Amino acid sequence: MRAAVTALRGAARALLPRAALEQPERGASSLELAGMMPLLLLVAVASIQLGIAGYAVQQAGTGARAAARTASLEDVAESYAATGKAAMSGWTASRSSFALGGGDDEVRVTTTVTIPSIVPGVDDFGDASRSATMPRD
């Protein structure tokens, strides 16, 4: 009987791959991935949020330049905010505000955009402001 068991073990070793015979490591990589998944998701969300914040800053600069260009022209100066919003993308334009300043020979427009959040439970990540100065016509 003992010889038959030994023969079966020898046959099983010959037929099965070595990894199947060494089962203590089986599934370890799945557990490692499951343990790292929260960290990977956190890094992904932070990267996307950082990209959205950078885009909001860039759009604030675009809106400030367009609004300052319009505000420097005497005949259409009162429509500077509408021109600034038209130069921005829709979702940043709806979250923006414009402030006009400057002196007799120049005009300065400051645009403030609220940075949206993709994190549940957080409304926004503050404001992004950019200013542009243009000479008056």
C-alpha atoms as a PDB file:
ATOM      1  CA  MET A   1       0.000   0.000   0.000  1.00  0.00           C
ATOM      2  CA  ARG A   2       2.798   2.319   0.900  1.00  0.00           C
ATOM      3  CA  ALA A   3       4.466   1.747  -2.450  1.00  0.00           C
ATOM      4  CA  ALA A   4       1.247   2.659  -4.260  1.00  0.00           C
ATOM      5  CA  VAL A   5       0.970   5.993  -2.403  1.00  0.00           C
ATOM      6  CA  THR A   6       4.578   6.798  -3.169  1.00  0.00           C
ATOM      7  CA  ALA A   7       4.021   5.973  -6.821  1.00  0.00           C
ATOM      8  CA  LEU A   8       0.953   8.248  -6.958  1.00  0.00           C
ATOM      9  CA  ARG A   9       2.879  11.129  -5.415  1.00  0.00           C
ATOM     10  CA  GLY A  10       5.675  10.654  -7.916  1.00  0.00           C
ATOM     11  CA  ALA A  11       3.159  10.640 -10.779  1.00  0.00           C
ATOM     12  CA  ALA A  12       1.432  13.781  -9.432  1.00  0.00           C
ATOM     13  CA  ARG A  13       4.749  15.594  -9.204  1.00  0.00           C
ATOM     14  CA  ALA A  14       5.519  14.693 -12.785  1.00  0.00           C
ATOM     15  CA  LEU A  15       2.151  15.889 -14.084  1.00  0.00           C
ATOM     16  CA  LEU A  16       1.540  19.046 -12.057  1.00  0.00           C
ATOM     17  CA  PRO A  17       3.605  22.206 -12.420  1.00  0.00           C
ATOM     18  CA  ARG A  18       5.851  23.100  -9.527  1.00  0.00           C
ATOM     19  CA  ALA A  19       3.749  26.179  -8.598  1.00  0.00           C
ATOM     20  CA  ALA A  20       0.692  24.003  -8.021  1.00  0.00           C
ATOM     21  CA  LEU A  21       2.594  21.827  -5.567  1.00  0.00           C
ATOM     22  CA  GLU A  22       3.792  24.828  -3.521  1.00  0.00           C
ATOM     23  CA  GLN A  23       0.473  26.282  -2.361  1.00  0.00           C
ATOM     24  CA  PRO A  24       1.463  28.470   0.620  1.00  0.00           C
ATOM     25  CA  GLU A  25       2.198  31.432  -1.764  1.00  0.00           C
ATOM     26  CA  ARG A  26      -1.017  31.035  -3.703  1.00  0.00           C
ATOM     27  CA  GLY A  27      -3.132  34.235  -3.705  1.00  0.00           C
ATOM     28  CA  ALA A  28      -0.482  36.387  -2.021  1.00  0.00           C
ATOM     29  CA  SER A  29      -0.299  38.852  -4.900  1.00  0.00           C
ATOM     30  CA  SER A  30      -4.081  39.338  -4.791  1.00  0.00           C
ATOM     31  CA  LEU A  31      -3.876  40.240  -1.116  1.00  0.00           C
ATOM     32  CA  GLU A  32      -0.993  42.614  -1.754  1.00  0.00           C
ATOM     33  CA  LEU A  33      -2.979  44.353  -4.492  1.00  0.00           C
ATOM     34  CA  ALA A  34      -6.029  44.605  -2.234  1.00  0.00           C
ATOM     35  CA  GLY A  35      -3.875  46.170   0.467  1.00  0.00           C
ATOM     36  CA  MET A  36      -2.367  48.721  -1.918  1.00  0.00           C
ATOM     37  CA  MET A  37      -5.636  49.615  -3.696  1.00  0.00           C
ATOM     38  CA  PRO A  38      -6.719  52.370  -1.237  1.00  0.00           C
ATOM     39  CA  LEU A  39      -3.336  54.060  -1.579  1.00  0.00           C
ATOM     40  CA  LEU A  40      -3.474  53.812  -5.380  1.00  0.00           C
ATOM     41  CA  LEU A  41      -6.973  55.301  -5.440  1.00  0.00           C
ATOM     42  CA  LEU A  42      -5.900  58.131  -3.129  1.00  0.00           C
ATOM     43  CA  VAL A  43      -2.980  58.992  -5.416  1.00  0.00           C
ATOM     44  CA  ALA A  44      -5.272  58.902  -8.474  1.00  0.00           C
ATOM     45  CA  VAL A  45      -7.870  61.221  -6.889  1.00  0.00           C
ATOM     46  CA  ALA A  46      -5.160  63.623  -5.697  1.00  0.00           C
ATOM     47  CA  SER A  47      -3.645  63.733  -9.195  1.00  0.00           C
ATOM     48  CA  ILE A  48      -6.991  64.487 -10.807  1.00  0.00           C
ATOM     49  CA  GLN A  49      -7.760  67.164  -8.205  1.00  0.00           C
ATOM     50  CA  LEU A  50      -4.365  68.781  -8.765  1.00  0.00           C
ATOM     51  CA  GLY A  51      -5.022  68.844 -12.501  1.00  0.00           C
ATOM     52  CA  ILE A  52      -8.413  70.489 -11.968  1.00  0.00           C
ATOM     53  CA  ALA A  53      -6.824  73.130  -9.721  1.00  0.00           C
ATOM     54  CA  GLY A  54      -4.162  73.869 -12.339  1.00  0.00           C
ATOM     55  CA  TYR A  55      -6.789  74.157 -15.045  1.00  0.00           C
ATOM     56  CA  ALA A  56      -8.832  76.585 -12.910  1.00  0.00           C
ATOM     57  CA  VAL A  57      -5.737  78.793 -12.419  1.00  0.00           C
ATOM     58  CA  GLN A  58      -5.041  78.762 -16.165  1.00  0.00           C
ATOM     59  CA  GLN A  59      -8.655  79.671 -16.939  1.00  0.00           C
ATOM     60  CA  ALA A  60      -8.539  82.534 -14.422  1.00  0.00           C
ATOM     61  CA  GLY A  61      -5.536  83.965 -16.290  1.00  0.00           C
ATOM     62  CA  THR A  62      -7.274  83.598 -19.653  1.00  0.00           C
ATOM     63  CA  GLY A  63     -10.395  85.353 -18.378  1.00  0.00           C
ATOM     64  CA  ALA A  64      -8.360  88.163 -16.770  1.00  0.00           C
ATOM     65  CA  ARG A  65      -6.436  88.859 -20.009  1.00  0.00           C
ATOM     66  CA  ALA A  66      -9.576  88.897 -22.158  1.00  0.00           C
ATOM     67  CA  ALA A  67     -11.455  91.096 -19.686  1.00  0.00           C
ATOM     68  CA  ALA A  68      -8.524  93.527 -19.352  1.00  0.00           C
ATOM     69  CA  ARG A  69      -8.223  93.803 -23.136  1.00  0.00           C
ATOM     70  CA  THR A  70     -11.928  94.687 -23.371  1.00  0.00           C
ATOM     71  CA  ALA A  71     -11.847  97.048 -20.373  1.00  0.00           C
ATOM     72  CA  SER A  72      -8.994  99.004 -21.980  1.00  0.00           C
ATOM     73  CA  LEU A  73     -11.228  99.977 -24.921  1.00  0.00           C
ATOM     74  CA  GLU A  74     -13.426 103.006 -24.156  1.00  0.00           C
ATOM     75  CA  ASP A  75     -16.433 102.101 -26.295  1.00  0.00           C
ATOM     76  CA  VAL A  76     -16.935  98.541 -24.908  1.00  0.00           C
ATOM     77  CA  ALA A  77     -15.280  98.828 -21.470  1.00  0.00           C
ATOM     78  CA  GLU A  78     -18.457  98.064 -19.522  1.00  0.00           C
ATOM     79  CA  SER A  79     -18.744  94.556 -21.023  1.00  0.00           C
ATOM     80  CA  TYR A  80     -15.372  93.384 -19.679  1.00  0.00           C
ATOM     81  CA  ALA A  81     -16.837  90.689 -17.393  1.00  0.00           C
ATOM     82  CA  ALA A  82     -18.945  89.166 -20.180  1.00  0.00           C
ATOM     83  CA  THR A  83     -15.896  89.053 -22.475  1.00  0.00           C
ATOM     84  CA  GLY A  84     -13.806  87.442 -19.747  1.00  0.00           C
ATOM     85  CA  LYS A  85     -16.437  84.777 -19.125  1.00  0.00           C
ATOM     86  CA  ALA A  86     -16.763  84.127 -22.865  1.00  0.00           C
ATOM     87  CA  ALA A  87     -13.011  83.412 -23.064  1.00  0.00           C
ATOM     88  CA  MET A  88     -13.229  80.795 -20.301  1.00  0.00           C
ATOM     89  CA  SER A  89     -14.677  77.284 -20.409  1.00  0.00           C
ATOM     90  CA  GLY A  90     -18.276  76.941 -19.287  1.00  0.00           C
ATOM     91  CA  TRP A  91     -17.780  75.287 -15.914  1.00  0.00           C
ATOM     92  CA  THR A  92     -15.077  77.744 -14.834  1.00  0.00           C
ATOM     93  CA  ALA A  93     -16.935  80.783 -16.189  1.00  0.00           C
ATOM     94  CA  SER A  94     -19.940  79.988 -14.001  1.00  0.00           C
ATOM     95  CA  ARG A  95     -17.638  79.933 -10.931  1.00  0.00           C
ATOM     96  CA  SER A  96     -15.784  83.168 -11.716  1.00  0.00           C
ATOM     97  CA  SER A  97     -15.943  86.816 -10.627  1.00  0.00           C
ATOM     98  CA  PHE A  98     -14.174  89.884 -12.022  1.00  0.00           C
ATOM     99  CA  ALA A  99     -12.890  93.017 -10.297  1.00  0.00           C
ATOM    100  CA  LEU A 100     -11.884  96.150 -12.213  1.00  0.00           C
ATOM    101  CA  GLY A 101      -9.155  98.503 -11.036  1.00  0.00           C
ATOM    102  CA  GLY A 102      -6.289 100.588 -12.318  1.00  0.00           C
ATOM    103  CA  GLY A 103      -5.518 104.234 -12.894  1.00  0.00           C
ATOM    104  CA  ASP A 104      -5.963 106.844 -15.637  1.00  0.00           C
ATOM    105  CA  ASP A 105      -3.497 105.288 -18.066  1.00  0.00           C
ATOM    106  CA  GLU A 106      -4.009 101.558 -17.378  1.00  0.00           C
ATOM    107  CA  VAL A 107      -6.721  99.089 -16.433  1.00  0.00           C
ATOM    108  CA  ARG A 108      -6.279  96.081 -14.166  1.00  0.00           C
ATOM    109  CA  VAL A 109      -8.741  93.182 -14.021  1.00  0.00           C
ATOM    110  CA  THR A 110      -8.547  90.484 -11.373  1.00  0.00           C
ATOM    111  CA  THR A 111     -10.398  87.231 -12.019  1.00  0.00           C
ATOM    112  CA  THR A 112     -11.225  84.820  -9.209  1.00  0.00           C
ATOM    113  CA  VAL A 113     -12.331  81.244  -9.934  1.00  0.00           C
ATOM    114  CA  THR A 114     -13.583  78.820  -7.301  1.00  0.00           C
ATOM    115  CA  ILE A 115     -11.708  75.505  -7.655  1.00  0.00           C
ATOM    116  CA  PRO A 116     -14.243  72.657  -7.839  1.00  0.00           C
ATOM    117  CA  SER A 117     -13.761  69.452  -5.861  1.00  0.00           C
ATOM    118  CA  ILE A 118     -14.114  65.816  -6.896  1.00  0.00           C
ATOM    119  CA  VAL A 119     -13.782  64.669  -3.275  1.00  0.00           C
ATOM    120  CA  PRO A 120     -17.180  63.706  -1.815  1.00  0.00           C
ATOM    121  CA  GLY A 121     -18.226  65.988   1.014  1.00  0.00           C
ATOM    122  CA  VAL A 122     -15.866  68.836   0.031  1.00  0.00           C
ATOM    123  CA  ASP A 123     -17.538  71.695  -1.866  1.00  0.00           C
ATOM    124  CA  ASP A 124     -14.435  73.436  -3.153  1.00  0.00           C
ATOM    125  CA  PHE A 125     -10.688  73.776  -2.673  1.00  0.00           C
ATOM    126  CA  GLY A 126     -10.562  77.542  -2.344  1.00  0.00           C
ATOM    127  CA  ASP A 127     -10.115  80.200  -5.010  1.00  0.00           C
ATOM    128  CA  ALA A 128      -7.631  80.817  -7.799  1.00  0.00           C
ATOM    129  CA  SER A 129      -6.978  84.469  -8.717  1.00  0.00           C
ATOM    130  CA  ARG A 130      -5.088  86.000 -11.620  1.00  0.00           C
ATOM    131  CA  SER A 131      -4.698  89.620 -12.682  1.00  0.00           C
ATOM    132  CA  ALA A 132      -3.947  91.261 -15.994  1.00  0.00           C
ATOM    133  CA  THR A 133      -3.022  94.879 -16.713  1.00  0.00           C
ATOM    134  CA  MET A 134      -3.485  96.616 -20.070  1.00  0.00           C
ATOM    135  CA  PRO A 135      -2.892 100.230 -21.174  1.00  0.00           C
ATOM    136  CA  ARG A 136      -6.024 102.289 -21.794  1.00  0.00           C
ATOM    137  CA  ASP A 137      -6.825 103.252 -25.345  1.00  0.00           C
END
